[in-house]
Amino acid sequence: MLEELKKELKALNAEYAKIKTLPPEERKNFGVEMNKKKQAILKKIEEAEAASESDNLEPLDLSAPAAPNSPIPTFKKGSKHPLMTELDRVVDIYQSMGFAVLEPRQLDDEFHMFDSLNFHKGHPARDGYDTFRTKEGFIPPAHTSTMQNRALVKYKENLEKGLPIAVVVPGRVFRNEDVDATHEHTFYQCEGIYVSKDATMGNLLGIFKHFFSTYYGQDLRIKTQPGYFPFTEPSFELLIEKPKSLGGKGDGWLELLGCGMIHPNVLKAAGINPDEYKGFAWGGGIDRLAMMKYGLTDVRHFESGNLKFLEEF
């Protein structure tokens, strides 16, 4: 087909030479007609060449797990981001203790960010979270506690069945922070919520003891010190013994997260009677857990997109 078209084009070029023998008044129309024929043949040749190239292509197996047809011998598979690996590990430990998992939101509202968590209007802590806001008034969550009211409402029927509310919320949070080696504007947290008729701080400390000893693979001591959060009363800051990954030898303590007994107003906002039920909650960063586990000194590596860093995991 292609060869025949090329022969046809060659014959047309030879015929075009006749224009010299024609009277001047006929040359224009002759040239226009010849040019139309030439363009039509050239288009057919282009289509035939494209079809010929497609016929010679090696078929690609889209179901293949890698790239067997790739001419590049150094093809590398992708890998899971280290923060996602650690987040999955955190969730697995809590699930093994009977906690359900609730997905957070990437945009939230004033009620769930502050009002439902006992932040009164004009409360200075509303400014202390360095909160981002959209023009429409939505809030990229500054903490995973924005899901606390939804978790209490969603699983409230557990209490009616004589079961506790036990939920963790792993998610991404955003704060208007100055970025440095220990601060990021975008990072990950894991919220924990537990409510029952007889929940105590002793239960919470038992959960922490099991979690951190499992996560770091060694028996770690824990302790608390007084803290303040509008949504818990009393409030505490949890400290753990420095793990071996940071050269810990039974000396030194690290402050890791905030926790406490859920404030009665938070339970009321979810329709739970604080005279009948009690609960505790906590929230801490996944990024910092990972930094301690791997002995990292700069949190910015996680969001940098630096492949050299990511390929180490």
C-alpha atoms as a PDB file:
ATOM      1  CA  MET A   1       0.000   0.000   0.000  1.00  0.00           C
ATOM      2  CA  LEU A   2       2.713   2.444   1.008  1.00  0.00           C
ATOM      3  CA  GLU A   3       4.890   1.592  -1.991  1.00  0.00           C
ATOM      4  CA  GLU A   4       1.959   2.070  -4.373  1.00  0.00           C
ATOM      5  CA  LEU A   5       1.257   5.531  -2.927  1.00  0.00           C
ATOM      6  CA  LYS A   6       4.904   6.530  -3.375  1.00  0.00           C
ATOM      7  CA  LYS A   7       4.784   5.390  -7.024  1.00  0.00           C
ATOM      8  CA  GLU A   8       1.571   7.392  -7.499  1.00  0.00           C
ATOM      9  CA  LEU A   9       3.287  10.488  -6.044  1.00  0.00           C
ATOM     10  CA  LYS A  10       6.273  10.013  -8.364  1.00  0.00           C
ATOM     11  CA  ALA A  11       4.003   9.761 -11.412  1.00  0.00           C
ATOM     12  CA  LEU A  12       2.133  12.884 -10.309  1.00  0.00           C
ATOM     13  CA  ASN A  13       5.410  14.835 -10.086  1.00  0.00           C
ATOM     14  CA  ALA A  14       6.258  13.760 -13.639  1.00  0.00           C
ATOM     15  CA  GLU A  15       2.833  14.874 -14.851  1.00  0.00           C
ATOM     16  CA  TYR A  16       3.303  18.224 -13.130  1.00  0.00           C
ATOM     17  CA  ALA A  17       6.185  18.941 -15.549  1.00  0.00           C
ATOM     18  CA  LYS A  18       3.563  19.341 -18.335  1.00  0.00           C
ATOM     19  CA  ILE A  19       2.706  22.787 -16.935  1.00  0.00           C
ATOM     20  CA  LYS A  20       5.525  24.264 -19.023  1.00  0.00           C
ATOM     21  CA  THR A  21       3.818  23.185 -22.244  1.00  0.00           C
ATOM     22  CA  LEU A  22       0.417  24.706 -21.423  1.00  0.00           C
ATOM     23  CA  PRO A  23      -0.816  28.147 -22.536  1.00  0.00           C
ATOM     24  CA  PRO A  24      -0.346  30.779 -19.759  1.00  0.00           C
ATOM     25  CA  GLU A  25      -4.116  31.105 -19.118  1.00  0.00           C
ATOM     26  CA  GLU A  26      -4.436  27.351 -18.338  1.00  0.00           C
ATOM     27  CA  ARG A  27      -1.430  26.985 -16.050  1.00  0.00           C
ATOM     28  CA  LYS A  28      -3.114  28.377 -12.907  1.00  0.00           C
ATOM     29  CA  ASN A  29      -6.055  25.927 -12.904  1.00  0.00           C
ATOM     30  CA  PHE A  30      -3.751  23.051 -13.806  1.00  0.00           C
ATOM     31  CA  GLY A  31      -1.412  23.880 -10.914  1.00  0.00           C
ATOM     32  CA  VAL A  32      -4.293  24.110  -8.402  1.00  0.00           C
ATOM     33  CA  GLU A  33      -5.683  20.708  -9.417  1.00  0.00           C
ATOM     34  CA  MET A  34      -2.277  19.059  -9.345  1.00  0.00           C
ATOM     35  CA  ASN A  35      -1.577  20.462  -5.879  1.00  0.00           C
ATOM     36  CA  LYS A  36      -4.893  19.065  -4.546  1.00  0.00           C
ATOM     37  CA  LYS A  37      -3.998  15.621  -5.854  1.00  0.00           C
ATOM     38  CA  LYS A  38      -0.505  15.854  -4.349  1.00  0.00           C
ATOM     39  CA  GLN A  39      -1.788  16.838  -0.886  1.00  0.00           C
ATOM     40  CA  ALA A  40      -4.307  13.989  -0.940  1.00  0.00           C
ATOM     41  CA  ILE A  41      -1.579  11.465  -1.751  1.00  0.00           C
ATOM     42  CA  LEU A  42       0.774  12.884   0.914  1.00  0.00           C
ATOM     43  CA  LYS A  43      -1.982  12.533   3.557  1.00  0.00           C
ATOM     44  CA  LYS A  44      -2.527   8.911   2.606  1.00  0.00           C
ATOM     45  CA  ILE A  45       1.230   8.262   2.809  1.00  0.00           C
ATOM     46  CA  GLU A  46       1.358   9.828   6.326  1.00  0.00           C
ATOM     47  CA  GLU A  47      -1.550   7.667   7.514  1.00  0.00           C
ATOM     48  CA  ALA A  48       0.014   4.534   6.037  1.00  0.00           C
ATOM     49  CA  GLU A  49       3.358   5.229   7.737  1.00  0.00           C
ATOM     50  CA  ALA A  50       1.655   5.789  11.109  1.00  0.00           C
ATOM     51  CA  ALA A  51      -0.276   2.553  10.754  1.00  0.00           C
ATOM     52  CA  SER A  52       2.917   0.704   9.862  1.00  0.00           C
ATOM     53  CA  GLU A  53       4.667   2.018  13.029  1.00  0.00           C
ATOM     54  CA  SER A  54       1.733   0.912  15.214  1.00  0.00           C
ATOM     55  CA  ASP A  55       1.844  -2.586  13.727  1.00  0.00           C
ATOM     56  CA  ASN A  56       5.509  -2.901  14.706  1.00  0.00           C
ATOM     57  CA  LEU A  57       5.022  -1.882  18.358  1.00  0.00           C
ATOM     58  CA  GLU A  58       5.565  -4.554  21.009  1.00  0.00           C
ATOM     59  CA  PRO A  59       2.376  -5.076  23.046  1.00  0.00           C
ATOM     60  CA  LEU A  60       2.471  -3.847  26.673  1.00  0.00           C
ATOM     61  CA  ASP A  61       1.178  -6.123  29.420  1.00  0.00           C
ATOM     62  CA  LEU A  62      -0.732  -3.715  31.678  1.00  0.00           C
ATOM     63  CA  SER A  63      -1.347  -6.430  34.267  1.00  0.00           C
ATOM     64  CA  ALA A  64       2.368  -7.051  34.823  1.00  0.00           C
ATOM     65  CA  PRO A  65       3.543  -6.184  38.367  1.00  0.00           C
ATOM     66  CA  ALA A  66       6.725  -4.488  37.164  1.00  0.00           C
ATOM     67  CA  ALA A  67       7.874  -3.391  33.687  1.00  0.00           C
ATOM     68  CA  PRO A  68       9.103  -6.484  31.783  1.00  0.00           C
ATOM     69  CA  ASN A  69       9.061  -4.638  28.463  1.00  0.00           C
ATOM     70  CA  SER A  70      11.026  -1.657  29.737  1.00  0.00           C
ATOM     71  CA  PRO A  71      14.345  -1.112  27.907  1.00  0.00           C
ATOM     72  CA  ILE A  72      15.767   0.389  31.129  1.00  0.00           C
ATOM     73  CA  PRO A  73      17.546  -2.405  33.049  1.00  0.00           C
ATOM     74  CA  THR A  74      17.770  -0.348  36.271  1.00  0.00           C
ATOM     75  CA  PHE A  75      13.989  -0.134  36.772  1.00  0.00           C
ATOM     76  CA  LYS A  76      13.089   0.294  40.479  1.00  0.00           C
ATOM     77  CA  LYS A  77       9.832  -0.394  42.234  1.00  0.00           C
ATOM     78  CA  GLY A  78       8.248   2.276  44.406  1.00  0.00           C
ATOM     79  CA  SER A  79       8.062   1.938  48.178  1.00  0.00           C
ATOM     80  CA  LYS A  80       5.756   3.012  50.988  1.00  0.00           C
ATOM     81  CA  HIS A  81       6.527   6.339  52.638  1.00  0.00           C
ATOM     82  CA  PRO A  82       8.142   5.771  56.086  1.00  0.00           C
ATOM     83  CA  LEU A  83       5.424   7.800  57.818  1.00  0.00           C
ATOM     84  CA  MET A  84       2.744   5.568  56.308  1.00  0.00           C
ATOM     85  CA  THR A  85       4.656   2.498  57.468  1.00  0.00           C
ATOM     86  CA  GLU A  86       4.849   3.841  61.017  1.00  0.00           C
ATOM     87  CA  LEU A  87       1.232   4.999  60.979  1.00  0.00           C
ATOM     88  CA  ASP A  88       0.137   1.477  60.003  1.00  0.00           C
ATOM     89  CA  ARG A  89       2.268   0.074  62.815  1.00  0.00           C
ATOM     90  CA  VAL A  90       0.687   2.441  65.347  1.00  0.00           C
ATOM     91  CA  VAL A  91      -2.821   1.525  64.213  1.00  0.00           C
ATOM     92  CA  ASP A  92      -2.023  -2.205  64.316  1.00  0.00           C
ATOM     93  CA  ILE A  93      -0.967  -1.981  67.974  1.00  0.00           C
ATOM     94  CA  TYR A  94      -4.112  -0.113  68.995  1.00  0.00           C
ATOM     95  CA  GLN A  95      -6.331  -2.477  67.011  1.00  0.00           C
ATOM     96  CA  SER A  96      -4.732  -5.407  68.830  1.00  0.00           C
ATOM     97  CA  MET A  97      -6.025  -3.779  72.030  1.00  0.00           C
ATOM     98  CA  GLY A  98      -9.569  -3.617  70.644  1.00  0.00           C
ATOM     99  CA  PHE A  99      -9.681  -0.062  69.309  1.00  0.00           C
ATOM    100  CA  ALA A 100     -11.714   0.778  66.211  1.00  0.00           C
ATOM    101  CA  VAL A 101     -10.224   3.130  63.593  1.00  0.00           C
ATOM    102  CA  LEU A 102     -11.984   6.264  62.335  1.00  0.00           C
ATOM    103  CA  GLU A 103     -10.847   8.236  59.283  1.00  0.00           C
ATOM    104  CA  PRO A 104     -10.430  12.009  59.824  1.00  0.00           C
ATOM    105  CA  ARG A 105     -11.325  14.903  57.531  1.00  0.00           C
ATOM    106  CA  GLN A 106      -8.973  17.214  55.655  1.00  0.00           C
ATOM    107  CA  LEU A 107     -11.292  20.214  56.099  1.00  0.00           C
ATOM    108  CA  ASP A 108     -13.432  20.783  59.155  1.00  0.00           C
ATOM    109  CA  ASP A 109     -15.518  23.456  60.869  1.00  0.00           C
ATOM    110  CA  GLU A 110     -15.449  25.720  63.915  1.00  0.00           C
ATOM    111  CA  PHE A 111     -17.752  23.467  65.936  1.00  0.00           C
ATOM    112  CA  HIS A 112     -15.624  20.332  65.709  1.00  0.00           C
ATOM    113  CA  MET A 113     -12.316  22.179  65.908  1.00  0.00           C
ATOM    114  CA  PHE A 114     -13.204  24.244  68.985  1.00  0.00           C
ATOM    115  CA  ASP A 115     -16.810  24.425  70.235  1.00  0.00           C
ATOM    116  CA  SER A 116     -17.373  20.690  70.806  1.00  0.00           C
ATOM    117  CA  LEU A 117     -14.018  20.493  72.613  1.00  0.00           C
ATOM    118  CA  ASN A 118     -14.899  23.028  75.317  1.00  0.00           C
ATOM    119  CA  PHE A 119     -13.040  25.963  73.742  1.00  0.00           C
ATOM    120  CA  HIS A 120     -15.211  28.874  74.885  1.00  0.00           C
ATOM    121  CA  LYS A 121     -15.695  31.887  72.623  1.00  0.00           C
ATOM    122  CA  GLY A 122     -12.695  34.152  73.009  1.00  0.00           C
ATOM    123  CA  HIS A 123     -10.671  31.385  74.645  1.00  0.00           C
ATOM    124  CA  PRO A 124      -6.944  32.195  74.164  1.00  0.00           C
ATOM    125  CA  ALA A 125      -6.265  28.567  73.232  1.00  0.00           C
ATOM    126  CA  ARG A 126      -8.190  29.168  69.994  1.00  0.00           C
ATOM    127  CA  ASP A 127      -5.274  31.358  68.903  1.00  0.00           C
ATOM    128  CA  GLY A 128      -2.659  29.066  70.403  1.00  0.00           C
ATOM    129  CA  TYR A 129      -3.152  26.399  67.732  1.00  0.00           C
ATOM    130  CA  ASP A 130      -1.858  28.611  64.868  1.00  0.00           C
ATOM    131  CA  THR A 131      -4.863  27.566  62.843  1.00  0.00           C
ATOM    132  CA  PHE A 132      -5.136  27.859  59.065  1.00  0.00           C
ATOM    133  CA  ARG A 133      -8.506  28.947  57.652  1.00  0.00           C
ATOM    134  CA  THR A 134      -9.938  29.059  54.138  1.00  0.00           C
ATOM    135  CA  LYS A 135     -11.765  32.095  52.744  1.00  0.00           C
ATOM    136  CA  GLU A 136     -15.014  30.169  53.206  1.00  0.00           C
ATOM    137  CA  GLY A 137     -14.304  29.662  56.904  1.00  0.00           C
ATOM    138  CA  PHE A 138     -13.293  26.001  56.780  1.00  0.00           C
ATOM    139  CA  ILE A 139     -10.390  24.787  58.916  1.00  0.00           C
ATOM    140  CA  PRO A 140      -7.676  22.298  57.933  1.00  0.00           C
ATOM    141  CA  PRO A 141      -7.581  20.397  61.266  1.00  0.00           C
ATOM    142  CA  ALA A 142      -4.842  21.551  63.619  1.00  0.00           C
ATOM    143  CA  HIS A 143      -5.287  18.386  65.693  1.00  0.00           C
ATOM    144  CA  THR A 144      -7.015  15.027  65.282  1.00  0.00           C
ATOM    145  CA  SER A 145      -9.221  15.958  68.249  1.00  0.00           C
ATOM    146  CA  THR A 146     -11.600  17.501  65.693  1.00  0.00           C
ATOM    147  CA  MET A 147     -12.929  13.952  65.260  1.00  0.00           C
ATOM    148  CA  GLN A 148     -13.569  13.407  68.983  1.00  0.00           C
ATOM    149  CA  ASN A 149     -17.211  14.551  68.931  1.00  0.00           C
ATOM    150  CA  ARG A 150     -17.952  12.497  65.803  1.00  0.00           C
ATOM    151  CA  ALA A 151     -16.358   9.400  67.356  1.00  0.00           C
ATOM    152  CA  LEU A 152     -18.391   9.785  70.563  1.00  0.00           C
ATOM    153  CA  VAL A 153     -21.625  10.266  68.612  1.00  0.00           C
ATOM    154  CA  LYS A 154     -20.907   7.434  66.156  1.00  0.00           C
ATOM    155  CA  TYR A 155     -20.120   4.840  68.830  1.00  0.00           C
ATOM    156  CA  LYS A 156     -22.478   6.106  71.565  1.00  0.00           C
ATOM    157  CA  GLU A 157     -24.725   3.084  71.071  1.00  0.00           C
ATOM    158  CA  ASN A 158     -21.845   0.917  72.389  1.00  0.00           C
ATOM    159  CA  LEU A 159     -22.511   2.357  75.844  1.00  0.00           C
ATOM    160  CA  GLU A 160     -26.179   1.359  75.660  1.00  0.00           C
ATOM    161  CA  LYS A 161     -25.040  -2.207  74.952  1.00  0.00           C
ATOM    162  CA  GLY A 162     -22.688  -2.216  77.936  1.00  0.00           C
ATOM    163  CA  LEU A 163     -19.601  -1.866  75.712  1.00  0.00           C
ATOM    164  CA  PRO A 164     -16.959   0.887  75.870  1.00  0.00           C
ATOM    165  CA  ILE A 165     -16.242   3.460  73.179  1.00  0.00           C
ATOM    166  CA  ALA A 166     -12.685   2.688  72.068  1.00  0.00           C
ATOM    167  CA  VAL A 167     -11.516   4.552  68.956  1.00  0.00           C
ATOM    168  CA  VAL A 168      -8.267   5.823  67.455  1.00  0.00           C
ATOM    169  CA  VAL A 169      -8.097   8.470  64.733  1.00  0.00           C
ATOM    170  CA  PRO A 170      -4.838   8.579  62.718  1.00  0.00           C
ATOM    171  CA  GLY A 171      -4.638  11.555  60.392  1.00  0.00           C
ATOM    172  CA  ARG A 172      -2.886  14.519  58.839  1.00  0.00           C
ATOM    173  CA  VAL A 173      -2.969  17.881  60.612  1.00  0.00           C
ATOM    174  CA  PHE A 174      -1.930  21.408  59.665  1.00  0.00           C
ATOM    175  CA  ARG A 175      -0.567  24.345  61.685  1.00  0.00           C
ATOM    176  CA  ASN A 176       0.751  27.758  60.756  1.00  0.00           C
ATOM    177  CA  GLU A 177       4.200  26.980  62.169  1.00  0.00           C
ATOM    178  CA  ASP A 178       7.653  28.313  61.341  1.00  0.00           C
ATOM    179  CA  VAL A 179       9.347  25.248  59.854  1.00  0.00           C
ATOM    180  CA  ASP A 180      12.622  24.074  61.371  1.00  0.00           C
ATOM    181  CA  ALA A 181      14.327  20.800  62.315  1.00  0.00           C
ATOM    182  CA  THR A 182      11.689  19.989  64.956  1.00  0.00           C
ATOM    183  CA  HIS A 183       8.587  21.773  63.601  1.00  0.00           C
ATOM    184  CA  GLU A 184       6.521  21.233  60.449  1.00  0.00           C
ATOM    185  CA  HIS A 185       3.330  22.896  59.218  1.00  0.00           C
ATOM    186  CA  THR A 186       2.052  19.514  58.005  1.00  0.00           C
ATOM    187  CA  PHE A 187       2.394  16.360  60.078  1.00  0.00           C
ATOM    188  CA  TYR A 188       0.537  13.289  61.373  1.00  0.00           C
ATOM    189  CA  GLN A 189      -1.151  12.587  64.695  1.00  0.00           C
ATOM    190  CA  CYS A 190      -3.052   9.726  66.267  1.00  0.00           C
ATOM    191  CA  GLU A 191      -5.994  10.512  68.546  1.00  0.00           C
ATOM    192  CA  GLY A 192      -7.237   8.014  71.097  1.00  0.00           C
ATOM    193  CA  ILE A 193     -10.657   8.000  72.799  1.00  0.00           C
ATOM    194  CA  TYR A 194     -12.028   5.637  75.453  1.00  0.00           C
ATOM    195  CA  VAL A 195     -15.333   5.969  77.358  1.00  0.00           C
ATOM    196  CA  SER A 196     -17.044   3.586  79.783  1.00  0.00           C
ATOM    197  CA  LYS A 197     -18.757   3.623  83.173  1.00  0.00           C
ATOM    198  CA  ASP A 198     -15.508   2.980  85.032  1.00  0.00           C
ATOM    199  CA  ALA A 199     -12.691   4.416  82.888  1.00  0.00           C
ATOM    200  CA  THR A 200      -9.704   5.643  84.926  1.00  0.00           C
ATOM    201  CA  MET A 201      -6.309   7.214  84.397  1.00  0.00           C
ATOM    202  CA  GLY A 202      -4.872   3.871  85.477  1.00  0.00           C
ATOM    203  CA  ASN A 203      -6.451   2.298  82.384  1.00  0.00           C
ATOM    204  CA  LEU A 204      -4.916   4.999  80.204  1.00  0.00           C
ATOM    205  CA  LEU A 205      -1.444   4.519  81.651  1.00  0.00           C
ATOM    206  CA  GLY A 206      -1.761   0.770  81.103  1.00  0.00           C
ATOM    207  CA  ILE A 207      -2.559   1.400  77.423  1.00  0.00           C
ATOM    208  CA  PHE A 208       0.465   3.693  77.099  1.00  0.00           C
ATOM    209  CA  LYS A 209       2.754   1.204  78.816  1.00  0.00           C
ATOM    210  CA  HIS A 210       1.736  -1.549  76.398  1.00  0.00           C
ATOM    211  CA  PHE A 211       1.787   0.680  73.317  1.00  0.00           C
ATOM    212  CA  PHE A 212       5.234   2.235  73.740  1.00  0.00           C
ATOM    213  CA  SER A 213       6.883  -0.977  74.925  1.00  0.00           C
ATOM    214  CA  THR A 214       5.470  -2.769  71.854  1.00  0.00           C
ATOM    215  CA  TYR A 215       6.300   0.016  69.407  1.00  0.00           C
ATOM    216  CA  TYR A 216       9.929   0.382  70.518  1.00  0.00           C
ATOM    217  CA  GLY A 217      10.425  -3.302  71.270  1.00  0.00           C
ATOM    218  CA  GLN A 218      11.597  -2.846  74.862  1.00  0.00           C
ATOM    219  CA  ASP A 219      10.107  -2.440  78.316  1.00  0.00           C
ATOM    220  CA  LEU A 220       9.852   1.333  78.802  1.00  0.00           C
ATOM    221  CA  ARG A 221       8.928   3.271  81.917  1.00  0.00           C
ATOM    222  CA  ILE A 222       6.338   6.045  81.643  1.00  0.00           C
ATOM    223  CA  LYS A 223       5.270   8.943  83.822  1.00  0.00           C
ATOM    224  CA  THR A 224       3.032  12.013  83.681  1.00  0.00           C
ATOM    225  CA  GLN A 225       3.287  15.642  84.645  1.00  0.00           C
ATOM    226  CA  PRO A 226       0.510  18.254  84.935  1.00  0.00           C
ATOM    227  CA  GLY A 227      -0.716  19.871  81.735  1.00  0.00           C
ATOM    228  CA  TYR A 228      -3.630  21.887  80.411  1.00  0.00           C
ATOM    229  CA  PHE A 229      -6.057  21.213  77.573  1.00  0.00           C
ATOM    230  CA  PRO A 230      -9.617  22.618  77.376  1.00  0.00           C
ATOM    231  CA  PHE A 231     -11.050  19.223  76.451  1.00  0.00           C
ATOM    232  CA  THR A 232      -9.591  17.185  79.344  1.00  0.00           C
ATOM    233  CA  GLU A 233      -9.801  17.583  83.133  1.00  0.00           C
ATOM    234  CA  PRO A 234      -7.482  16.711  84.731  1.00  0.00           C
ATOM    235  CA  SER A 235      -4.908  17.099  81.947  1.00  0.00           C
ATOM    236  CA  PHE A 236      -1.441  15.572  81.736  1.00  0.00           C
ATOM    237  CA  GLU A 237       1.627  15.407  79.549  1.00  0.00           C
ATOM    238  CA  LEU A 238       3.042  11.911  79.076  1.00  0.00           C
ATOM    239  CA  LEU A 239       6.767  11.241  79.270  1.00  0.00           C
ATOM    240  CA  ILE A 240       8.520   7.994  78.373  1.00  0.00           C
ATOM    241  CA  GLU A 241      11.960   6.696  79.167  1.00  0.00           C
ATOM    242  CA  LYS A 242      14.442   7.414  76.350  1.00  0.00           C
ATOM    243  CA  PRO A 243      14.451   4.271  74.124  1.00  0.00           C
ATOM    244  CA  LYS A 244      17.565   2.414  73.022  1.00  0.00           C
ATOM    245  CA  SER A 245      17.191   3.806  69.493  1.00  0.00           C
ATOM    246  CA  LEU A 246      18.255   7.167  70.954  1.00  0.00           C
ATOM    247  CA  GLY A 247      21.002   5.684  73.081  1.00  0.00           C
ATOM    248  CA  GLY A 248      18.838   5.476  76.182  1.00  0.00           C
ATOM    249  CA  LYS A 249      20.303   3.521  79.093  1.00  0.00           C
ATOM    250  CA  GLY A 250      17.612   4.031  81.688  1.00  0.00           C
ATOM    251  CA  ASP A 251      18.401   7.736  81.891  1.00  0.00           C
ATOM    252  CA  GLY A 252      16.472  10.666  80.492  1.00  0.00           C
ATOM    253  CA  TRP A 253      12.802  11.296  79.794  1.00  0.00           C
ATOM    254  CA  LEU A 254      11.015  12.498  76.647  1.00  0.00           C
ATOM    255  CA  GLU A 255       7.697  14.356  76.567  1.00  0.00           C
ATOM    256  CA  LEU A 256       5.586  12.783  73.843  1.00  0.00           C
ATOM    257  CA  LEU A 257       1.898  13.663  74.009  1.00  0.00           C
ATOM    258  CA  GLY A 258      -1.006  15.267  75.842  1.00  0.00           C
ATOM    259  CA  CYS A 259      -3.727  13.287  77.562  1.00  0.00           C
ATOM    260  CA  GLY A 260      -6.309  13.343  80.341  1.00  0.00           C
ATOM    261  CA  MET A 261      -9.841  12.530  81.422  1.00  0.00           C
ATOM    262  CA  ILE A 262     -12.420  13.782  78.916  1.00  0.00           C
ATOM    263  CA  HIS A 263     -14.015  17.009  80.133  1.00  0.00           C
ATOM    264  CA  PRO A 264     -17.707  16.614  81.108  1.00  0.00           C
ATOM    265  CA  ASN A 265     -18.661  19.369  78.639  1.00  0.00           C
ATOM    266  CA  VAL A 266     -17.168  17.338  75.777  1.00  0.00           C
ATOM    267  CA  LEU A 267     -19.264  14.319  76.761  1.00  0.00           C
ATOM    268  CA  LYS A 268     -22.378  16.507  77.020  1.00  0.00           C
ATOM    269  CA  ALA A 269     -21.758  17.938  73.532  1.00  0.00           C
ATOM    270  CA  ALA A 270     -21.959  14.360  72.203  1.00  0.00           C
ATOM    271  CA  GLY A 271     -25.121  13.558  74.159  1.00  0.00           C
ATOM    272  CA  ILE A 272     -23.359  11.396  76.775  1.00  0.00           C
ATOM    273  CA  ASN A 273     -24.224  11.788  80.463  1.00  0.00           C
ATOM    274  CA  PRO A 274     -20.963  12.632  82.329  1.00  0.00           C
ATOM    275  CA  ASP A 275     -22.576  11.580  85.631  1.00  0.00           C
ATOM    276  CA  GLU A 276     -22.930   8.051  84.287  1.00  0.00           C
ATOM    277  CA  TYR A 277     -19.906   7.687  82.000  1.00  0.00           C
ATOM    278  CA  LYS A 278     -16.250   8.693  82.151  1.00  0.00           C
ATOM    279  CA  GLY A 279     -13.550   8.682  79.536  1.00  0.00           C
ATOM    280  CA  PHE A 280     -10.001   9.571  78.638  1.00  0.00           C
ATOM    281  CA  ALA A 281      -8.363  10.830  75.465  1.00  0.00           C
ATOM    282  CA  TRP A 282      -4.904  11.491  74.106  1.00  0.00           C
ATOM    283  CA  GLY A 283      -3.162  12.739  70.996  1.00  0.00           C
ATOM    284  CA  GLY A 284       0.431  12.561  69.782  1.00  0.00           C
ATOM    285  CA  GLY A 285       2.543  12.949  66.668  1.00  0.00           C
ATOM    286  CA  ILE A 286       3.489  10.042  64.390  1.00  0.00           C
ATOM    287  CA  ASP A 287       6.416  11.995  62.921  1.00  0.00           C
ATOM    288  CA  ARG A 288       8.132  12.272  66.288  1.00  0.00           C
ATOM    289  CA  LEU A 289       7.662   8.577  67.061  1.00  0.00           C
ATOM    290  CA  ALA A 290       9.348   7.748  63.753  1.00  0.00           C
ATOM    291  CA  MET A 291      12.183  10.226  64.358  1.00  0.00           C
ATOM    292  CA  MET A 292      12.916   8.597  67.716  1.00  0.00           C
ATOM    293  CA  LYS A 293      12.678   5.101  66.275  1.00  0.00           C
ATOM    294  CA  TYR A 294      15.207   5.802  63.498  1.00  0.00           C
ATOM    295  CA  GLY A 295      17.368   8.332  65.326  1.00  0.00           C
ATOM    296  CA  LEU A 296      16.504  11.193  62.934  1.00  0.00           C
ATOM    297  CA  THR A 297      17.222  14.815  63.800  1.00  0.00           C
ATOM    298  CA  ASP A 298      15.246  16.745  61.165  1.00  0.00           C
ATOM    299  CA  VAL A 299      11.476  16.318  60.742  1.00  0.00           C
ATOM    300  CA  ARG A 300      11.564  18.159  57.402  1.00  0.00           C
ATOM    301  CA  HIS A 301      12.957  15.082  55.656  1.00  0.00           C
ATOM    302  CA  PHE A 302       9.533  13.412  55.741  1.00  0.00           C
ATOM    303  CA  GLU A 303       7.831  16.075  53.577  1.00  0.00           C
ATOM    304  CA  SER A 304      10.860  16.984  51.436  1.00  0.00           C
ATOM    305  CA  GLY A 305      10.325  14.445  48.645  1.00  0.00           C
ATOM    306  CA  ASN A 306      14.036  13.636  48.847  1.00  0.00           C
ATOM    307  CA  LEU A 307      14.323  10.220  47.171  1.00  0.00           C
ATOM    308  CA  LYS A 308      17.767   9.592  48.626  1.00  0.00           C
ATOM    309  CA  PHE A 309      16.257   9.854  52.111  1.00  0.00           C
ATOM    310  CA  LEU A 310      13.120   7.849  51.274  1.00  0.00           C
ATOM    311  CA  GLU A 311      15.115   5.017  49.684  1.00  0.00           C
ATOM    312  CA  GLU A 312      16.724   4.344  53.058  1.00  0.00           C
ATOM    313  CA  PHE A 313      13.444   2.844  54.311  1.00  0.00           C
END
